[in-house]
Amino acid sequence: MRGRLRRMARATGGIEMSESESNAAVSDLSRLKQRLERRDTLAADCAELREKIEEMERELNGISFWLEEAEREIQKLNGSGLTGLVLAAFGKRTERIEAKTRELEGLREDHGSYDRLLESARRDLAGLEDQIEQLGDARSEYTRYLEDKRDALSGSAGESGEALRKHVGEKSNAESQVKCLVAAIEAGREALDHLHDEVHVMGMMGRVRAAEGHGLLRTVVNAGRKRTVDECSSRARHSLTRFRNRIESAGFSDSMCLLLAEADQLLEGMAGKVRTSKLQVKTVDHAAVSRVDEILREILGSLEDSLARQKALVADIDRRIQSVLEQS
């Protein structure tokens, strides 16, 4: 069968097949697709059954644990230990033993039922796995067929060849856009992390010490605070610049860059917002930080939506390419 499929795949490259060979190859391809679909269905059934088996094994282990506990309890009641003697003294030992025995019998019944269900499920799984093995590696055969067909069509001047080249070009552009979006999102998340890290350092500068007083020492210390805040905001702004560059590389609208420009201006003025009073030092403009955080999250949300759409487009193009290869 594979030989006919390969000849059919190479037919557009200049090797002609007779009508009977072509019909046979098409029939073989149909059977191969049916095998592939059947194998995928069986594989899904196997995965579902394995989950059920794991759940039943957990249930069976739990029943086994309580079964052993009940057996130990009955042994204690029948023994000469303190528990049995106390219950015997109050005339309760026989009643307790009977109750535990009934509980033990119920557990044994449940254990047997679960054990039988588990064995049945394992047999079913083995049967499905055997069917999959009999079908062989249909996906690899199907993939090799499509690869042969793609090689043959890629240089063809026919309608199918043109459609294939068009879809391949569209996929290349879409995948390039996916890479740009992934890089932009990573830069945005990094900018958000850096913002929070730098704001934390700024906040550490807000601790007031009584020794600062109201004179020259406070002026000197406050100047150091402003310098630290300025350095922190500069590092956060640098991350914003990297984020903006990634967005521009992805070819997105100017609206995102305008939002980042607003965020940059808010961070630029952070050092000027440092304020010192008698009992408090303000080193963080929380309103400005909240707005920058909001901007970054808004842009990241838009980029992630775009990434999801581009990935869906790549998957759709893959389906179109497969359709061309199957139908040509």
C-alpha atoms as a PDB file:
ATOM      1  CA  MET A   1       0.000   0.000   0.000  1.00  0.00           C
ATOM      2  CA  ARG A   2       2.743   2.429   0.904  1.00  0.00           C
ATOM      3  CA  GLY A   3       4.312   2.025  -2.531  1.00  0.00           C
ATOM      4  CA  ARG A   4       1.086   3.097  -4.248  1.00  0.00           C
ATOM      5  CA  LEU A   5       0.760   6.047  -1.903  1.00  0.00           C
ATOM      6  CA  ARG A   6       4.289   7.163  -2.641  1.00  0.00           C
ATOM      7  CA  ARG A   7       3.712   6.861  -6.390  1.00  0.00           C
ATOM      8  CA  MET A   8       0.573   8.915  -6.059  1.00  0.00           C
ATOM      9  CA  ALA A   9       2.467  11.492  -4.010  1.00  0.00           C
ATOM     10  CA  ARG A  10       5.127  11.750  -6.734  1.00  0.00           C
ATOM     11  CA  ALA A  11       2.665  11.834  -9.627  1.00  0.00           C
ATOM     12  CA  THR A  12       2.542  15.636  -9.714  1.00  0.00           C
ATOM     13  CA  GLY A  13       6.329  15.644  -9.912  1.00  0.00           C
ATOM     14  CA  GLY A  14       6.312  14.040 -13.328  1.00  0.00           C
ATOM     15  CA  ILE A  15       5.716  10.338 -12.647  1.00  0.00           C
ATOM     16  CA  GLU A  16       2.419   9.369 -14.258  1.00  0.00           C
ATOM     17  CA  MET A  17       0.191   6.632 -12.875  1.00  0.00           C
ATOM     18  CA  SER A  18      -2.403   4.633 -14.699  1.00  0.00           C
ATOM     19  CA  GLU A  19      -6.049   5.142 -13.831  1.00  0.00           C
ATOM     20  CA  SER A  20      -6.193   1.838 -11.995  1.00  0.00           C
ATOM     21  CA  GLU A  21      -3.087   2.716  -9.959  1.00  0.00           C
ATOM     22  CA  SER A  22      -4.545   6.120  -9.135  1.00  0.00           C
ATOM     23  CA  ASN A  23      -7.844   4.608  -8.014  1.00  0.00           C
ATOM     24  CA  ALA A  24      -6.018   2.032  -5.908  1.00  0.00           C
ATOM     25  CA  ALA A  25      -3.851   4.706  -4.296  1.00  0.00           C
ATOM     26  CA  VAL A  26      -6.895   6.828  -3.463  1.00  0.00           C
ATOM     27  CA  SER A  27      -8.562   3.784  -1.927  1.00  0.00           C
ATOM     28  CA  ASP A  28      -5.419   3.041   0.093  1.00  0.00           C
ATOM     29  CA  LEU A  29      -5.328   6.627   1.331  1.00  0.00           C
ATOM     30  CA  SER A  30      -8.974   6.383   2.419  1.00  0.00           C
ATOM     31  CA  ARG A  31      -8.258   3.206   4.353  1.00  0.00           C
ATOM     32  CA  LEU A  32      -5.172   4.793   5.912  1.00  0.00           C
ATOM     33  CA  LYS A  33      -7.234   7.761   7.121  1.00  0.00           C
ATOM     34  CA  GLN A  34      -9.823   5.403   8.554  1.00  0.00           C
ATOM     35  CA  ARG A  35      -7.082   3.528  10.397  1.00  0.00           C
ATOM     36  CA  LEU A  36      -5.710   6.802  11.703  1.00  0.00           C
ATOM     37  CA  GLU A  37      -9.112   7.993  12.912  1.00  0.00           C
ATOM     38  CA  ARG A  38      -9.837   4.618  14.491  1.00  0.00           C
ATOM     39  CA  ARG A  39      -6.441   4.608  16.212  1.00  0.00           C
ATOM     40  CA  ASP A  40      -6.984   8.126  17.584  1.00  0.00           C
ATOM     41  CA  THR A  41     -10.419   7.113  18.901  1.00  0.00           C
ATOM     42  CA  LEU A  42      -8.980   4.029  20.589  1.00  0.00           C
ATOM     43  CA  ALA A  43      -6.116   6.077  22.064  1.00  0.00           C
ATOM     44  CA  ALA A  44      -8.630   8.521  23.567  1.00  0.00           C
ATOM     45  CA  ASP A  45     -10.635   5.605  24.986  1.00  0.00           C
ATOM     46  CA  CYS A  46      -7.448   4.160  26.482  1.00  0.00           C
ATOM     47  CA  ALA A  47      -6.558   7.461  28.155  1.00  0.00           C
ATOM     48  CA  GLU A  48     -10.038   7.719  29.663  1.00  0.00           C
ATOM     49  CA  LEU A  49      -9.967   4.117  30.862  1.00  0.00           C
ATOM     50  CA  ARG A  50      -6.513   4.565  32.440  1.00  0.00           C
ATOM     51  CA  GLU A  51      -7.863   7.476  34.478  1.00  0.00           C
ATOM     52  CA  LYS A  52     -10.772   5.326  35.655  1.00  0.00           C
ATOM     53  CA  ILE A  53      -8.383   2.493  36.561  1.00  0.00           C
ATOM     54  CA  GLU A  54      -6.214   4.867  38.596  1.00  0.00           C
ATOM     55  CA  GLU A  55      -9.308   6.116  40.424  1.00  0.00           C
ATOM     56  CA  MET A  56     -10.465   2.551  41.153  1.00  0.00           C
ATOM     57  CA  GLU A  57      -6.984   1.637  42.405  1.00  0.00           C
ATOM     58  CA  ARG A  58      -7.100   4.558  44.837  1.00  0.00           C
ATOM     59  CA  GLU A  59     -10.548   3.480  46.025  1.00  0.00           C
ATOM     60  CA  LEU A  60      -9.379  -0.115  46.418  1.00  0.00           C
ATOM     61  CA  ASN A  61      -6.329   0.977  48.419  1.00  0.00           C
ATOM     62  CA  GLY A  62      -8.593   2.978  50.714  1.00  0.00           C
ATOM     63  CA  ILE A  63     -10.918   0.013  51.259  1.00  0.00           C
ATOM     64  CA  SER A  64      -7.879  -2.211  51.925  1.00  0.00           C
ATOM     65  CA  PHE A  65      -6.674   0.205  54.593  1.00  0.00           C
ATOM     66  CA  TRP A  66     -10.008   0.260  56.433  1.00  0.00           C
ATOM     67  CA  LEU A  67     -10.302  -3.501  56.005  1.00  0.00           C
ATOM     68  CA  GLU A  68      -6.991  -4.000  57.806  1.00  0.00           C
ATOM     69  CA  GLU A  69      -8.039  -1.524  60.496  1.00  0.00           C
ATOM     70  CA  ALA A  70     -11.293  -3.428  61.091  1.00  0.00           C
ATOM     71  CA  GLU A  71      -9.443  -6.750  61.308  1.00  0.00           C
ATOM     72  CA  ARG A  72      -6.999  -5.296  63.863  1.00  0.00           C
ATOM     73  CA  GLU A  73      -9.903  -3.876  65.885  1.00  0.00           C
ATOM     74  CA  ILE A  74     -11.600  -7.275  66.048  1.00  0.00           C
ATOM     75  CA  GLN A  75      -8.331  -8.872  67.129  1.00  0.00           C
ATOM     76  CA  LYS A  76      -8.060  -6.331  69.944  1.00  0.00           C
ATOM     77  CA  LEU A  77     -11.628  -6.970  71.031  1.00  0.00           C
ATOM     78  CA  ASN A  78     -11.077 -10.739  71.063  1.00  0.00           C
ATOM     79  CA  GLY A  79      -7.748 -10.427  72.807  1.00  0.00           C
ATOM     80  CA  SER A  80      -6.817  -9.938  76.427  1.00  0.00           C
ATOM     81  CA  GLY A  81      -5.882  -6.310  76.039  1.00  0.00           C
ATOM     82  CA  LEU A  82      -7.260  -3.398  78.042  1.00  0.00           C
ATOM     83  CA  THR A  83      -9.910  -2.473  75.447  1.00  0.00           C
ATOM     84  CA  GLY A  84     -11.385  -5.953  75.350  1.00  0.00           C
ATOM     85  CA  LEU A  85     -11.328  -6.328  79.150  1.00  0.00           C
ATOM     86  CA  VAL A  86     -13.043  -2.981  79.752  1.00  0.00           C
ATOM     87  CA  LEU A  87     -15.790  -3.757  77.229  1.00  0.00           C
ATOM     88  CA  ALA A  88     -16.209  -7.250  78.678  1.00  0.00           C
ATOM     89  CA  ALA A  89     -16.579  -5.777  82.156  1.00  0.00           C
ATOM     90  CA  PHE A  90     -19.455  -3.592  80.948  1.00  0.00           C
ATOM     91  CA  GLY A  91     -20.978  -6.357  78.814  1.00  0.00           C
ATOM     92  CA  LYS A  92     -20.318  -4.536  75.597  1.00  0.00           C
ATOM     93  CA  ARG A  93     -17.613  -6.692  74.024  1.00  0.00           C
ATOM     94  CA  THR A  94     -19.940  -9.101  72.194  1.00  0.00           C
ATOM     95  CA  GLU A  95     -22.021  -6.208  70.842  1.00  0.00           C
ATOM     96  CA  ARG A  96     -18.926  -4.367  69.635  1.00  0.00           C
ATOM     97  CA  ILE A  97     -17.474  -7.508  68.046  1.00  0.00           C
ATOM     98  CA  GLU A  98     -20.709  -8.172  66.165  1.00  0.00           C
ATOM     99  CA  ALA A  99     -20.822  -4.564  64.898  1.00  0.00           C
ATOM    100  CA  LYS A 100     -17.209  -4.699  63.770  1.00  0.00           C
ATOM    101  CA  THR A 101     -17.773  -8.067  62.131  1.00  0.00           C
ATOM    102  CA  ARG A 102     -20.667  -6.667  60.105  1.00  0.00           C
ATOM    103  CA  GLU A 103     -18.492  -3.718  59.135  1.00  0.00           C
ATOM    104  CA  LEU A 104     -15.699  -6.106  58.150  1.00  0.00           C
ATOM    105  CA  GLU A 105     -18.038  -8.191  55.992  1.00  0.00           C
ATOM    106  CA  GLY A 106     -19.274  -5.049  54.229  1.00  0.00           C
ATOM    107  CA  LEU A 107     -15.716  -3.922  53.567  1.00  0.00           C
ATOM    108  CA  ARG A 108     -14.785  -7.346  52.206  1.00  0.00           C
ATOM    109  CA  GLU A 109     -17.799  -7.258  49.894  1.00  0.00           C
ATOM    110  CA  ASP A 110     -16.861  -3.779  48.671  1.00  0.00           C
ATOM    111  CA  HIS A 111     -13.248  -4.880  48.238  1.00  0.00           C
ATOM    112  CA  GLY A 112     -14.282  -7.879  46.161  1.00  0.00           C
ATOM    113  CA  SER A 113     -16.612  -5.771  43.977  1.00  0.00           C
ATOM    114  CA  TYR A 114     -13.966  -3.133  43.325  1.00  0.00           C
ATOM    115  CA  ASP A 115     -11.351  -5.803  42.676  1.00  0.00           C
ATOM    116  CA  ARG A 116     -13.578  -7.461  40.060  1.00  0.00           C
ATOM    117  CA  LEU A 117     -14.374  -4.107  38.433  1.00  0.00           C
ATOM    118  CA  LEU A 118     -10.680  -3.257  38.371  1.00  0.00           C
ATOM    119  CA  GLU A 119      -9.727  -6.551  36.749  1.00  0.00           C
ATOM    120  CA  SER A 120     -12.481  -6.093  34.154  1.00  0.00           C
ATOM    121  CA  ALA A 121     -11.253  -2.581  33.374  1.00  0.00           C
ATOM    122  CA  ARG A 122      -7.680  -3.826  33.023  1.00  0.00           C
ATOM    123  CA  ARG A 123      -8.840  -6.517  30.582  1.00  0.00           C
ATOM    124  CA  ASP A 124     -10.742  -3.891  28.590  1.00  0.00           C
ATOM    125  CA  LEU A 125      -7.630  -1.699  28.500  1.00  0.00           C
ATOM    126  CA  ALA A 126      -5.487  -4.597  27.317  1.00  0.00           C
ATOM    127  CA  GLY A 127      -8.029  -5.284  24.566  1.00  0.00           C
ATOM    128  CA  LEU A 128      -7.959  -1.652  23.400  1.00  0.00           C
ATOM    129  CA  GLU A 129      -4.155  -1.603  23.454  1.00  0.00           C
ATOM    130  CA  ASP A 130      -4.121  -4.803  21.400  1.00  0.00           C
ATOM    131  CA  GLN A 131      -6.416  -3.203  18.808  1.00  0.00           C
ATOM    132  CA  ILE A 132      -4.116  -0.184  18.631  1.00  0.00           C
ATOM    133  CA  GLU A 133      -1.111  -2.426  18.118  1.00  0.00           C
ATOM    134  CA  GLN A 134      -2.881  -4.289  15.311  1.00  0.00           C
ATOM    135  CA  LEU A 135      -3.635  -0.998  13.558  1.00  0.00           C
ATOM    136  CA  GLY A 136       0.073  -0.207  13.513  1.00  0.00           C
ATOM    137  CA  ASP A 137       1.619   3.244  13.423  1.00  0.00           C
ATOM    138  CA  ALA A 138      -0.969   4.763  11.091  1.00  0.00           C
ATOM    139  CA  ARG A 139       0.000   8.311  12.022  1.00  0.00           C
ATOM    140  CA  SER A 140       3.619   7.852  10.959  1.00  0.00           C
ATOM    141  CA  GLU A 141       2.514   6.313   7.653  1.00  0.00           C
ATOM    142  CA  TYR A 142       0.051   9.136   7.098  1.00  0.00           C
ATOM    143  CA  THR A 143       2.693  11.744   7.971  1.00  0.00           C
ATOM    144  CA  ARG A 144       5.205  10.181   5.570  1.00  0.00           C
ATOM    145  CA  TYR A 145       2.579  10.202   2.833  1.00  0.00           C
ATOM    146  CA  LEU A 146       1.852  13.912   3.387  1.00  0.00           C
ATOM    147  CA  GLU A 147       5.576  14.705   3.425  1.00  0.00           C
ATOM    148  CA  ASP A 148       6.082  12.887   0.103  1.00  0.00           C
ATOM    149  CA  LYS A 149       3.078  14.658  -1.355  1.00  0.00           C
ATOM    150  CA  ARG A 150       4.294  18.024  -0.105  1.00  0.00           C
ATOM    151  CA  ASP A 151       7.743  17.512  -1.657  1.00  0.00           C
ATOM    152  CA  ALA A 152       6.118  16.652  -4.963  1.00  0.00           C
ATOM    153  CA  LEU A 153       3.667  19.547  -4.960  1.00  0.00           C
ATOM    154  CA  SER A 154       6.051  22.236  -3.713  1.00  0.00           C
ATOM    155  CA  GLY A 155       7.617  22.601  -7.168  1.00  0.00           C
ATOM    156  CA  SER A 156       4.472  21.912  -9.174  1.00  0.00           C
ATOM    157  CA  ALA A 157       3.040  24.580 -11.460  1.00  0.00           C
ATOM    158  CA  GLY A 158      -0.502  23.253 -11.077  1.00  0.00           C
ATOM    159  CA  GLU A 159      -3.333  24.684  -9.046  1.00  0.00           C
ATOM    160  CA  SER A 160      -2.594  22.463  -6.059  1.00  0.00           C
ATOM    161  CA  GLY A 161       1.061  23.491  -6.057  1.00  0.00           C
ATOM    162  CA  GLU A 162       0.130  27.174  -6.109  1.00  0.00           C
ATOM    163  CA  ALA A 163      -2.364  26.691  -3.274  1.00  0.00           C
ATOM    164  CA  LEU A 164       0.242  24.803  -1.228  1.00  0.00           C
ATOM    165  CA  ARG A 165       2.884  27.527  -1.701  1.00  0.00           C
ATOM    166  CA  LYS A 166       0.339  30.190  -0.769  1.00  0.00           C
ATOM    167  CA  HIS A 167      -0.633  28.417   2.450  1.00  0.00           C
ATOM    168  CA  VAL A 168       3.006  27.721   3.346  1.00  0.00           C
ATOM    169  CA  GLY A 169       3.801  31.430   2.939  1.00  0.00           C
ATOM    170  CA  GLU A 170       0.818  32.381   5.100  1.00  0.00           C
ATOM    171  CA  LYS A 171       1.922  29.923   7.759  1.00  0.00           C
ATOM    172  CA  SER A 172       5.467  31.299   7.742  1.00  0.00           C
ATOM    173  CA  ASN A 173       4.156  34.841   8.284  1.00  0.00           C
ATOM    174  CA  ALA A 174       1.793  33.703  11.022  1.00  0.00           C
ATOM    175  CA  GLU A 175       4.527  31.761  12.827  1.00  0.00           C
ATOM    176  CA  SER A 176       6.829  34.794  12.605  1.00  0.00           C
ATOM    177  CA  GLN A 177       4.087  36.902  14.183  1.00  0.00           C
ATOM    178  CA  VAL A 178       3.670  34.302  16.931  1.00  0.00           C
ATOM    179  CA  LYS A 179       7.393  34.562  17.758  1.00  0.00           C
ATOM    180  CA  CYS A 180       7.198  38.365  17.910  1.00  0.00           C
ATOM    181  CA  LEU A 181       4.165  38.225  20.178  1.00  0.00           C
ATOM    182  CA  VAL A 182       5.789  35.690  22.502  1.00  0.00           C
ATOM    183  CA  ALA A 183       8.887  37.903  22.782  1.00  0.00           C
ATOM    184  CA  ALA A 184       6.729  40.985  23.448  1.00  0.00           C
ATOM    185  CA  ILE A 185       4.715  39.205  26.143  1.00  0.00           C
ATOM    186  CA  GLU A 186       7.894  37.991  27.847  1.00  0.00           C
ATOM    187  CA  ALA A 187       9.272  41.554  27.807  1.00  0.00           C
ATOM    188  CA  GLY A 188       5.982  42.864  29.233  1.00  0.00           C
ATOM    189  CA  ARG A 189       5.942  40.353  32.075  1.00  0.00           C
ATOM    190  CA  GLU A 190       9.556  41.201  32.803  1.00  0.00           C
ATOM    191  CA  ALA A 191       8.708  44.921  32.879  1.00  0.00           C
ATOM    192  CA  LEU A 192       5.860  44.220  35.313  1.00  0.00           C
ATOM    193  CA  ASP A 193       8.151  42.188  37.588  1.00  0.00           C
ATOM    194  CA  HIS A 194      10.845  44.894  37.490  1.00  0.00           C
ATOM    195  CA  LEU A 195       8.268  47.556  38.340  1.00  0.00           C
ATOM    196  CA  HIS A 196       7.223  45.696  41.484  1.00  0.00           C
ATOM    197  CA  ASP A 197      10.850  44.989  42.462  1.00  0.00           C
ATOM    198  CA  GLU A 198      11.891  48.631  42.073  1.00  0.00           C
ATOM    199  CA  VAL A 199       8.812  49.913  43.913  1.00  0.00           C
ATOM    200  CA  HIS A 200       9.719  47.603  46.788  1.00  0.00           C
ATOM    201  CA  VAL A 201      13.202  49.169  46.946  1.00  0.00           C
ATOM    202  CA  MET A 202      11.667  52.664  46.800  1.00  0.00           C
ATOM    203  CA  GLY A 203       9.407  51.782  49.702  1.00  0.00           C
ATOM    204  CA  MET A 204      12.408  50.691  51.787  1.00  0.00           C
ATOM    205  CA  MET A 205      13.686  54.283  51.541  1.00  0.00           C
ATOM    206  CA  GLY A 206      10.575  55.500  53.367  1.00  0.00           C
ATOM    207  CA  ARG A 207      11.657  54.380  56.828  1.00  0.00           C
ATOM    208  CA  VAL A 208      12.019  57.353  59.177  1.00  0.00           C
ATOM    209  CA  ARG A 209      14.675  57.536  61.858  1.00  0.00           C
ATOM    210  CA  ALA A 210      14.349  59.968  64.741  1.00  0.00           C
ATOM    211  CA  ALA A 211      18.077  60.699  64.535  1.00  0.00           C
ATOM    212  CA  GLU A 212      17.544  62.522  61.230  1.00  0.00           C
ATOM    213  CA  GLY A 213      16.109  65.530  63.028  1.00  0.00           C
ATOM    214  CA  HIS A 214      15.014  68.578  61.067  1.00  0.00           C
ATOM    215  CA  GLY A 215      18.263  70.098  59.869  1.00  0.00           C
ATOM    216  CA  LEU A 216      21.183  69.306  57.605  1.00  0.00           C
ATOM    217  CA  LEU A 217      21.150  65.560  58.297  1.00  0.00           C
ATOM    218  CA  ARG A 218      17.566  65.222  57.081  1.00  0.00           C
ATOM    219  CA  THR A 219      18.421  67.218  53.943  1.00  0.00           C
ATOM    220  CA  VAL A 220      21.374  64.966  53.159  1.00  0.00           C
ATOM    221  CA  VAL A 221      19.421  61.766  53.837  1.00  0.00           C
ATOM    222  CA  ASN A 222      16.482  63.005  51.790  1.00  0.00           C
ATOM    223  CA  ALA A 223      18.790  63.741  48.852  1.00  0.00           C
ATOM    224  CA  GLY A 224      20.025  60.142  49.066  1.00  0.00           C
ATOM    225  CA  ARG A 225      16.461  58.924  49.036  1.00  0.00           C
ATOM    226  CA  LYS A 226      15.656  60.917  45.921  1.00  0.00           C
ATOM    227  CA  ARG A 227      18.760  59.569  44.193  1.00  0.00           C
ATOM    228  CA  THR A 228      17.788  55.975  45.026  1.00  0.00           C
ATOM    229  CA  VAL A 229      14.222  56.508  43.847  1.00  0.00           C
ATOM    230  CA  ASP A 230      15.532  58.069  40.630  1.00  0.00           C
ATOM    231  CA  GLU A 231      17.784  55.043  40.004  1.00  0.00           C
ATOM    232  CA  CYS A 232      14.896  52.648  40.650  1.00  0.00           C
ATOM    233  CA  SER A 233      12.551  54.494  38.315  1.00  0.00           C
ATOM    234  CA  SER A 234      15.269  54.598  35.633  1.00  0.00           C
ATOM    235  CA  ARG A 235      15.655  50.822  35.758  1.00  0.00           C
ATOM    236  CA  ALA A 236      11.889  50.362  35.556  1.00  0.00           C
ATOM    237  CA  ARG A 237      11.764  52.776  32.600  1.00  0.00           C
ATOM    238  CA  HIS A 238      14.494  50.786  30.849  1.00  0.00           C
ATOM    239  CA  SER A 239      12.269  47.689  31.041  1.00  0.00           C
ATOM    240  CA  LEU A 240       9.411  49.728  29.569  1.00  0.00           C
ATOM    241  CA  THR A 241      11.663  50.717  26.664  1.00  0.00           C
ATOM    242  CA  ARG A 242      12.477  47.071  25.929  1.00  0.00           C
ATOM    243  CA  PHE A 243       8.768  46.275  26.060  1.00  0.00           C
ATOM    244  CA  ARG A 244       7.943  49.101  23.651  1.00  0.00           C
ATOM    245  CA  ASN A 245      10.647  47.936  21.230  1.00  0.00           C
ATOM    246  CA  ARG A 246       9.201  44.417  21.210  1.00  0.00           C
ATOM    247  CA  ILE A 247       5.729  45.785  20.565  1.00  0.00           C
ATOM    248  CA  GLU A 248       6.987  47.865  17.653  1.00  0.00           C
ATOM    249  CA  SER A 249       8.781  44.811  16.225  1.00  0.00           C
ATOM    250  CA  ALA A 250       5.475  42.955  16.333  1.00  0.00           C
ATOM    251  CA  GLY A 251       3.928  45.747  14.275  1.00  0.00           C
ATOM    252  CA  PHE A 252       1.205  46.727  16.710  1.00  0.00           C
ATOM    253  CA  SER A 253      -0.775  49.961  16.772  1.00  0.00           C
ATOM    254  CA  ASP A 254       0.538  53.215  18.183  1.00  0.00           C
ATOM    255  CA  SER A 255      -2.077  53.134  20.946  1.00  0.00           C
ATOM    256  CA  MET A 256       0.025  50.679  22.960  1.00  0.00           C
ATOM    257  CA  CYS A 257       3.116  52.828  22.519  1.00  0.00           C
ATOM    258  CA  LEU A 258       1.140  55.882  23.665  1.00  0.00           C
ATOM    259  CA  LEU A 259       0.108  54.041  26.810  1.00  0.00           C
ATOM    260  CA  LEU A 260       3.726  53.059  27.467  1.00  0.00           C
ATOM    261  CA  ALA A 261       4.779  56.682  26.931  1.00  0.00           C
ATOM    262  CA  GLU A 262       2.284  57.668  29.632  1.00  0.00           C
ATOM    263  CA  ALA A 263       3.729  55.023  31.948  1.00  0.00           C
ATOM    264  CA  ASP A 264       7.248  56.262  31.248  1.00  0.00           C
ATOM    265  CA  GLN A 265       6.299  59.836  32.153  1.00  0.00           C
ATOM    266  CA  LEU A 266       4.745  58.686  35.417  1.00  0.00           C
ATOM    267  CA  LEU A 267       7.928  56.834  36.377  1.00  0.00           C
ATOM    268  CA  GLU A 268      10.158  59.691  35.266  1.00  0.00           C
ATOM    269  CA  GLY A 269       8.668  62.040  37.856  1.00  0.00           C
ATOM    270  CA  MET A 270       8.906  59.627  40.786  1.00  0.00           C
ATOM    271  CA  ALA A 271      12.023  61.227  42.318  1.00  0.00           C
ATOM    272  CA  GLY A 272      10.290  64.599  42.403  1.00  0.00           C
ATOM    273  CA  LYS A 273       7.423  63.119  44.418  1.00  0.00           C
ATOM    274  CA  VAL A 274       9.594  62.232  47.429  1.00  0.00           C
ATOM    275  CA  ARG A 275       8.232  64.165  50.415  1.00  0.00           C
ATOM    276  CA  THR A 276       9.481  64.447  54.003  1.00  0.00           C
ATOM    277  CA  SER A 277       7.396  65.517  56.983  1.00  0.00           C
ATOM    278  CA  LYS A 278       8.004  65.400  60.710  1.00  0.00           C
ATOM    279  CA  LEU A 279       6.902  61.796  61.164  1.00  0.00           C
ATOM    280  CA  GLN A 280       6.679  60.393  57.653  1.00  0.00           C
ATOM    281  CA  VAL A 281       8.707  60.044  54.463  1.00  0.00           C
ATOM    282  CA  LYS A 282       6.839  59.400  51.214  1.00  0.00           C
ATOM    283  CA  THR A 283       8.997  57.747  48.556  1.00  0.00           C
ATOM    284  CA  VAL A 284       6.369  55.991  46.449  1.00  0.00           C
ATOM    285  CA  ASP A 285       3.600  57.646  44.450  1.00  0.00           C
ATOM    286  CA  HIS A 286       1.107  54.801  44.764  1.00  0.00           C
ATOM    287  CA  ALA A 287      -1.381  56.356  42.348  1.00  0.00           C
ATOM    288  CA  ALA A 288       1.293  56.579  39.643  1.00  0.00           C
ATOM    289  CA  VAL A 289       2.505  53.028  40.306  1.00  0.00           C
ATOM    290  CA  SER A 290      -1.056  51.690  40.142  1.00  0.00           C
ATOM    291  CA  ARG A 291      -1.593  53.407  36.797  1.00  0.00           C
ATOM    292  CA  VAL A 292       1.659  51.982  35.371  1.00  0.00           C
ATOM    293  CA  ASP A 293       0.675  48.513  36.612  1.00  0.00           C
ATOM    294  CA  GLU A 294      -2.762  48.923  35.007  1.00  0.00           C
ATOM    295  CA  ILE A 295      -1.223  49.977  31.680  1.00  0.00           C
ATOM    296  CA  LEU A 296       1.152  47.018  31.583  1.00  0.00           C
ATOM    297  CA  ARG A 297      -1.597  44.525  32.396  1.00  0.00           C
ATOM    298  CA  GLU A 298      -3.929  46.040  29.823  1.00  0.00           C
ATOM    299  CA  ILE A 299      -1.315  45.772  27.072  1.00  0.00           C
ATOM    300  CA  LEU A 300      -0.349  42.252  28.112  1.00  0.00           C
ATOM    301  CA  GLY A 301      -3.986  41.187  27.943  1.00  0.00           C
ATOM    302  CA  SER A 302      -4.292  42.532  24.395  1.00  0.00           C
ATOM    303  CA  LEU A 303      -1.082  40.816  23.317  1.00  0.00           C
ATOM    304  CA  GLU A 304      -2.158  37.486  24.800  1.00  0.00           C
ATOM    305  CA  ASP A 305      -5.482  37.710  22.945  1.00  0.00           C
ATOM    306  CA  SER A 306      -3.584  38.389  19.726  1.00  0.00           C
ATOM    307  CA  LEU A 307      -1.266  35.448  20.392  1.00  0.00           C
ATOM    308  CA  ALA A 308      -4.240  33.118  20.848  1.00  0.00           C
ATOM    309  CA  ARG A 309      -5.702  34.302  17.526  1.00  0.00           C
ATOM    310  CA  GLN A 310      -2.390  33.822  15.709  1.00  0.00           C
ATOM    311  CA  LYS A 311      -1.971  30.299  17.079  1.00  0.00           C
ATOM    312  CA  ALA A 312      -5.501  29.490  15.946  1.00  0.00           C
ATOM    313  CA  LEU A 313      -4.622  30.870  12.502  1.00  0.00           C
ATOM    314  CA  VAL A 314      -1.530  28.637  12.288  1.00  0.00           C
ATOM    315  CA  ALA A 315      -3.669  25.609  13.180  1.00  0.00           C
ATOM    316  CA  ASP A 316      -6.223  26.585  10.529  1.00  0.00           C
ATOM    317  CA  ILE A 317      -3.511  26.964   7.881  1.00  0.00           C
ATOM    318  CA  ASP A 318      -2.171  23.526   8.825  1.00  0.00           C
ATOM    319  CA  ARG A 319      -5.641  22.105   8.193  1.00  0.00           C
ATOM    320  CA  ARG A 320      -5.804  23.848   4.811  1.00  0.00           C
ATOM    321  CA  ILE A 321      -2.377  22.502   3.844  1.00  0.00           C
ATOM    322  CA  GLN A 322      -3.450  19.002   4.841  1.00  0.00           C
ATOM    323  CA  SER A 323      -6.629  19.372   2.778  1.00  0.00           C
ATOM    324  CA  VAL A 324      -4.627  20.404  -0.297  1.00  0.00           C
ATOM    325  CA  LEU A 325      -2.277  17.448   0.104  1.00  0.00           C
ATOM    326  CA  GLU A 326      -5.126  14.998   0.555  1.00  0.00           C
ATOM    327  CA  GLN A 327      -7.306  16.253  -2.293  1.00  0.00           C
ATOM    328  CA  SER A 328      -4.738  16.975  -4.970  1.00  0.00           C
END
